[in-house]
């Protein structure tokens, strides 16, 4: 991993460690979020944002929270303060895109960037990490509604930067992409754009640490019909796996409770079982054969 990537990963791990520890301390004191918000004279949304990792926490707020949880000795307080500082002070590559995307998506980028394993299912689209710029632009323009051309340009740049940050690292994370055959068929952006996208998909499948599997139409009904999802794993033993779901507005909703993540592992296993007899190259060739030579 590059020095910058190492630094970013360390920052994100510290942020998540602090968040996990604060939730643990609250649970041990048998306090609800409403209890804490009332005692701290905070809004409930402020505590929610701190415990979700959406925002950092000031040193004074942290010390007040720790007092409420019974952590008062300097030697006990200092490790938490260091975690908060480490997770707050460093600039990240995605910071320059904060104004063009949601807080939830920024949090997703932070987690993804420090993950050791990325597992994703997409039922209708080529996953964002595997899209070329023309395909990404066609998708984003369709979803943009009344958004300006500049905003769409920024979204495309963000998507390309995201790919570069993960794929160009010498120790890129393990990446598993399971997609439906339906993602291979629509001529997104026209036949020429889709042809280049399918060829890129084939090239990506040959990369080290990248696995692409396809659930064929003949697989019938499957759990992936509920929608796309991403599961992130981390080398840090204390950090639980994180599930990200995208809702109809494009917001990323995260879950890191084992009981909530486990069903999606089961779904992923079922999807991989359905995909095991499908040949990616053959399905790509079949999709390419359906396209006119001169495009549209």
Protein backbone atom coordinates (compact mmCIF):
# COMPACT_ATOMS: atom_id res chain seq x y z
CA UNK A 1 0.00 0.00 0.00
CA UNK A 2 1.28 3.50 -0.78
CA UNK A 3 2.15 5.81 2.13
CA UNK A 4 -0.94 7.93 1.41
CA UNK A 5 -3.19 4.87 1.23
CA UNK A 6 -1.69 3.56 4.46
CA UNK A 7 -2.36 6.87 6.16
CA UNK A 8 -5.95 6.98 4.90
CA UNK A 9 -6.59 3.40 5.98
CA UNK A 10 -5.18 4.10 9.45
CA UNK A 11 -7.40 7.17 9.78
CA UNK A 12 -10.54 5.28 8.86
CA UNK A 13 -9.71 2.44 11.22
CA UNK A 14 -9.24 4.89 14.07
CA UNK A 15 -12.57 6.53 13.30
CA UNK A 16 -14.35 3.25 13.32
CA UNK A 17 -12.57 1.98 16.42
CA UNK A 18 -13.67 5.09 18.32
CA UNK A 19 -17.25 4.75 17.10
CA UNK A 20 -17.32 1.09 18.10
CA UNK A 21 -15.87 1.85 21.53
CA UNK A 22 -18.35 4.65 22.24
CA UNK A 23 -21.27 2.42 21.36
CA UNK A 24 -19.82 -0.34 23.57
CA UNK A 25 -19.42 2.01 26.52
CA UNK A 26 -22.99 3.25 26.16
CA UNK A 27 -24.29 -0.31 26.00
CA UNK A 28 -22.34 -1.31 29.11
CA UNK A 29 -23.93 1.58 31.00
CA UNK A 30 -27.34 0.38 29.73
CA UNK A 31 -28.10 3.79 28.27
CA UNK A 32 -30.18 4.45 25.18
CA UNK A 33 -29.26 7.12 22.68
CA UNK A 34 -32.15 9.19 24.00
CA UNK A 35 -30.75 8.88 27.53
CA UNK A 36 -27.34 10.10 26.43
CA UNK A 37 -28.68 12.95 24.30
CA UNK A 38 -30.74 14.16 27.25
CA UNK A 39 -27.84 13.94 29.73
CA UNK A 40 -25.43 15.67 27.34
CA UNK A 41 -28.03 18.27 26.31
CA UNK A 42 -27.46 17.26 22.68
CA UNK A 43 -29.91 16.65 19.90
CA UNK A 44 -30.51 12.98 19.19
CA UNK A 45 -29.31 13.53 15.63
CA UNK A 46 -25.94 14.78 16.90
CA UNK A 47 -25.35 11.59 18.85
CA UNK A 48 -26.56 9.53 15.88
CA UNK A 49 -24.03 11.24 13.61
CA UNK A 50 -21.19 10.66 16.09
CA UNK A 51 -22.04 6.98 16.61
CA UNK A 52 -22.47 6.40 12.86
CA UNK A 53 -19.13 8.02 12.03
CA UNK A 54 -20.81 10.69 9.88
CA UNK A 55 -19.01 13.43 11.84
CA UNK A 56 -16.00 13.66 14.12
CA UNK A 57 -16.22 14.62 17.77
CA UNK A 58 -14.43 17.46 19.52
CA UNK A 59 -12.13 16.72 22.42
CA UNK A 60 -14.38 18.55 24.88
CA UNK A 61 -17.50 16.69 23.72
CA UNK A 62 -15.63 13.41 23.87
CA UNK A 63 -14.42 13.98 27.42
CA UNK A 64 -17.93 14.91 28.53
CA UNK A 65 -19.31 11.76 26.95
CA UNK A 66 -16.64 9.62 28.59
CA UNK A 67 -17.47 11.11 32.00
CA UNK A 68 -21.06 10.08 31.48
CA UNK A 69 -19.83 6.56 30.72
CA UNK A 70 -17.64 6.44 33.82
CA UNK A 71 -14.29 6.88 32.05
CA UNK A 72 -12.58 9.67 34.02
CA UNK A 73 -8.96 8.74 34.70
CA UNK A 74 -6.49 10.55 32.43
CA UNK A 75 -4.75 7.30 31.43
CA UNK A 76 -8.11 5.84 30.41
CA UNK A 77 -9.34 8.95 28.60
CA UNK A 78 -6.21 9.64 26.53
CA UNK A 79 -6.48 6.64 24.13
CA UNK A 80 -9.97 7.80 23.14
CA UNK A 81 -8.73 11.35 22.58
CA UNK A 82 -5.94 10.05 20.35
CA UNK A 83 -8.43 8.01 18.32
CA UNK A 84 -10.61 11.09 17.84
CA UNK A 85 -7.68 13.23 16.73
CA UNK A 86 -6.38 10.59 14.34
CA UNK A 87 -9.79 10.27 12.76
CA UNK A 88 -10.35 14.02 12.44
CA UNK A 89 -7.16 15.73 11.43
CA UNK A 90 -6.18 14.15 8.11
CA UNK A 91 -7.41 15.20 4.68
CA UNK A 92 -8.62 12.38 2.42
CA UNK A 93 -8.79 12.20 -1.37
CA UNK A 94 -12.59 12.20 -1.30
CA UNK A 95 -12.80 15.40 0.76
CA UNK A 96 -12.77 17.51 -2.40
CA UNK A 97 -15.92 15.73 -3.58
CA UNK A 98 -17.95 16.33 -0.41
CA UNK A 99 -19.90 19.14 -2.02
CA UNK A 100 -21.17 16.94 -4.88
CA UNK A 101 -22.36 13.89 -2.93
CA UNK A 102 -24.12 12.84 0.25
CA UNK A 103 -22.59 12.36 3.69
CA UNK A 104 -23.65 8.71 3.54
CA UNK A 105 -21.71 8.18 0.33
CA UNK A 106 -18.62 9.91 1.72
CA UNK A 107 -18.78 7.53 4.69
CA UNK A 108 -19.04 4.63 2.27
CA UNK A 109 -15.93 5.81 0.40
CA UNK A 110 -14.03 6.06 3.68
CA UNK A 111 -14.92 2.50 4.66
CA UNK A 112 -14.32 1.12 1.18
CA UNK A 113 -10.89 2.71 1.04
CA UNK A 114 -9.75 0.92 4.20
CA UNK A 115 -11.41 -2.45 3.47
CA UNK A 116 -9.35 -5.56 2.86
CA UNK A 117 -12.21 -7.36 1.06
CA UNK A 118 -14.98 -5.82 -1.06
CA UNK A 119 -17.94 -8.00 -2.06
CA UNK A 120 -20.71 -6.54 -4.19
CA UNK A 121 -23.88 -7.65 -5.94
CA UNK A 122 -25.49 -5.59 -8.72
CA UNK A 123 -28.70 -6.74 -10.41
CA UNK A 124 -29.05 -4.22 -13.26
CA UNK A 125 -25.82 -2.27 -13.75
CA UNK A 126 -22.11 -2.86 -14.15
CA UNK A 127 -20.67 -2.04 -10.68
CA UNK A 128 -19.28 1.46 -10.36
CA UNK A 129 -15.73 0.20 -9.72
CA UNK A 130 -15.80 -1.55 -13.11
CA UNK A 131 -17.43 1.17 -15.23
CA UNK A 132 -15.62 3.11 -17.92
CA UNK A 133 -16.17 6.86 -18.03
CA UNK A 134 -18.66 6.84 -20.92
CA UNK A 135 -20.82 4.16 -19.30
CA UNK A 136 -20.64 5.98 -15.96
CA UNK A 137 -21.66 9.24 -17.59
CA UNK A 138 -24.64 7.63 -19.35
CA UNK A 139 -25.86 6.12 -16.07
CA UNK A 140 -25.31 9.26 -14.02
CA UNK A 141 -26.98 11.52 -16.59
CA UNK A 142 -30.05 9.29 -16.52
CA UNK A 143 -30.17 9.37 -12.72
CA UNK A 144 -29.26 13.05 -12.44
CA UNK A 145 -32.67 14.52 -13.18
CA UNK A 146 -32.18 18.28 -13.41
CA UNK A 147 -28.56 18.24 -12.23
CA UNK A 148 -26.16 20.45 -14.18
CA UNK A 149 -23.59 19.14 -16.64
CA UNK A 150 -20.84 20.29 -14.25
CA UNK A 151 -22.31 18.24 -11.43
CA UNK A 152 -22.48 15.15 -13.64
CA UNK A 153 -18.87 15.78 -14.68
CA UNK A 154 -17.88 15.88 -11.00
CA UNK A 155 -19.72 12.63 -10.31
CA UNK A 156 -17.92 10.92 -13.19
CA UNK A 157 -14.58 12.25 -11.94
CA UNK A 158 -15.36 10.95 -8.46
CA UNK A 159 -16.14 7.50 -9.85
CA UNK A 160 -12.91 7.40 -11.87
CA UNK A 161 -10.86 8.64 -8.89
CA UNK A 162 -12.44 5.95 -6.72
CA UNK A 163 -11.32 3.27 -9.18
CA UNK A 164 -7.80 4.66 -9.40
CA UNK A 165 -7.37 4.78 -5.64
CA UNK A 166 -8.29 1.10 -5.25
CA UNK A 167 -7.01 -0.55 -8.42
CA UNK A 168 -3.67 1.26 -8.64
CA UNK A 169 -2.58 0.25 -5.17
CA UNK A 170 0.05 -2.50 -5.22
CA UNK A 171 -1.90 -4.34 -2.53
CA UNK A 172 -5.41 -3.71 -3.78
CA UNK A 173 -8.18 -5.30 -1.68
CA UNK A 174 -9.72 -8.59 -2.68
CA UNK A 175 -12.72 -7.70 -4.84
CA UNK A 176 -15.66 -9.95 -5.69
CA UNK A 177 -18.36 -8.68 -8.03
CA UNK A 178 -21.46 -10.76 -8.62
CA UNK A 179 -23.78 -9.32 -11.26
CA UNK A 180 -26.95 -10.44 -12.96
CA UNK A 181 -26.87 -11.31 -16.64
CA UNK A 182 -29.38 -8.47 -16.95
CA UNK A 183 -26.51 -6.02 -16.35
CA UNK A 184 -24.80 -7.21 -19.56
CA UNK A 185 -27.70 -6.62 -21.93
CA UNK A 186 -28.90 -2.96 -21.94
CA UNK A 187 -26.99 -0.78 -24.39
CA UNK A 188 -26.19 1.87 -21.81
CA UNK A 189 -24.95 4.93 -23.70
CA UNK A 190 -25.49 3.14 -27.02
CA UNK A 191 -23.93 0.07 -28.58
CA UNK A 192 -20.43 1.55 -28.95
CA UNK A 193 -20.22 2.57 -25.29
CA UNK A 194 -21.61 -0.76 -24.13
CA UNK A 195 -19.24 -2.70 -26.37
CA UNK A 196 -16.25 -0.93 -24.80
CA UNK A 197 -17.73 -1.49 -21.35
CA UNK A 198 -18.11 -5.23 -21.89
CA UNK A 199 -14.54 -5.48 -23.11
CA UNK A 200 -13.36 -3.59 -20.07
CA UNK A 201 -15.32 -5.98 -17.88
CA UNK A 202 -13.49 -8.89 -19.52
CA UNK A 203 -10.12 -7.22 -18.93
CA UNK A 204 -10.94 -6.50 -15.28
CA UNK A 205 -11.79 -10.16 -14.70
CA UNK A 206 -8.17 -11.07 -15.51
CA UNK A 207 -6.72 -8.76 -12.86
CA UNK A 208 -5.12 -10.10 -9.71
CA UNK A 209 -7.48 -10.13 -6.70
CA UNK A 210 -10.53 -9.39 -8.87
CA UNK A 211 -13.31 -11.96 -9.33
CA UNK A 212 -16.38 -11.34 -11.49
CA UNK A 213 -19.27 -13.81 -11.54
CA UNK A 214 -22.59 -13.67 -13.38
CA UNK A 215 -25.97 -14.99 -12.27
CA UNK A 216 -27.52 -16.23 -15.55
CA UNK A 217 -31.13 -15.73 -16.57
CA UNK A 218 -31.65 -19.47 -16.32
CA UNK A 219 -30.98 -19.23 -12.58
CA UNK A 220 -34.55 -18.00 -12.16
CA UNK A 221 -35.68 -16.11 -9.07
CA UNK A 222 -32.90 -15.30 -6.62
CA UNK A 223 -32.31 -13.26 -3.44
CA UNK A 224 -30.49 -10.55 -5.40
CA UNK A 225 -33.84 -9.39 -6.75
CA UNK A 226 -34.22 -7.45 -3.51
CA UNK A 227 -31.56 -5.04 -4.74
CA UNK A 228 -27.82 -4.27 -4.79
CA UNK A 229 -25.57 -4.51 -1.74
CA UNK A 230 -21.93 -4.21 -0.74
CA UNK A 231 -20.18 -6.00 2.14
CA UNK A 232 -16.83 -4.71 3.36
CA UNK A 233 -14.37 -6.66 5.50
CA UNK A 234 -11.36 -5.34 7.40
CA UNK A 235 -8.10 -6.83 8.60
CA UNK A 236 -8.65 -5.29 12.03
CA UNK A 237 -10.12 -8.07 14.17
CA UNK A 238 -12.14 -5.72 16.36
CA UNK A 239 -13.98 -4.21 13.39
CA UNK A 240 -17.19 -5.89 12.32
CA UNK A 241 -18.02 -6.31 8.65
CA UNK A 242 -20.07 -3.46 7.19
CA UNK A 243 -23.06 -3.80 4.89
CA UNK A 244 -24.06 -0.94 2.58
CA UNK A 245 -27.45 -0.75 0.91
CA UNK A 246 -28.44 1.87 -1.64
CA UNK A 247 -31.99 3.17 -1.42
CA UNK A 248 -34.17 4.61 -4.19
CA UNK A 249 -32.73 8.10 -3.65
CA UNK A 250 -29.17 6.88 -4.05
CA UNK A 251 -28.29 7.19 -0.36
CA UNK A 252 -25.98 4.59 1.16
CA UNK A 253 -27.38 3.00 4.31
CA UNK A 254 -24.87 1.14 6.48
CA UNK A 255 -25.30 -1.78 8.84
CA UNK A 256 -22.58 -3.31 11.02
CA UNK A 257 -24.56 -5.53 13.37
CA UNK A 258 -23.71 -9.18 12.73
CA UNK A 259 -27.35 -10.29 12.80
CA UNK A 260 -28.18 -7.77 10.07
CA UNK A 261 -25.17 -8.53 7.87
CA UNK A 262 -25.37 -12.33 8.05
CA UNK A 263 -28.48 -12.70 5.82
CA UNK A 264 -26.65 -10.88 3.05
CA UNK A 265 -23.74 -13.31 3.28
CA UNK A 266 -26.29 -16.07 2.88
CA UNK A 267 -27.75 -14.29 -0.15
CA UNK A 268 -24.29 -13.83 -1.62
CA UNK A 269 -23.57 -17.53 -1.18
CA UNK A 270 -26.81 -18.42 -2.94
CA UNK A 271 -26.02 -16.03 -5.80
CA UNK A 272 -22.53 -17.50 -6.20
CA UNK A 273 -24.01 -20.98 -6.34
CA UNK A 274 -26.26 -19.88 -9.20
CA UNK A 275 -23.30 -18.25 -10.97
CA UNK A 276 -20.84 -21.14 -10.69
CA UNK A 277 -21.73 -22.72 -14.04
CA UNK A 278 -21.92 -19.44 -15.99
CA UNK A 279 -18.91 -18.43 -18.10
CA UNK A 280 -18.30 -14.68 -18.05
CA UNK A 281 -16.46 -14.66 -21.40
CA UNK A 282 -19.24 -16.63 -23.11
CA UNK A 283 -21.93 -14.31 -21.75
CA UNK A 284 -19.95 -11.25 -22.84
CA UNK A 285 -19.49 -12.74 -26.32
CA UNK A 286 -23.21 -13.42 -26.53
CA UNK A 287 -24.03 -9.85 -25.54
CA UNK A 288 -21.52 -8.48 -28.05
CA UNK A 289 -22.97 -10.62 -30.83
CA UNK A 290 -26.33 -8.93 -30.34
CA UNK A 291 -24.88 -5.48 -31.08
CA UNK A 292 -24.55 -3.87 -34.53
CA UNK A 293 -20.99 -3.43 -35.72
CA UNK A 294 -21.34 0.31 -36.33
CA UNK A 295 -23.06 1.12 -33.03
CA UNK A 296 -26.03 3.43 -32.59
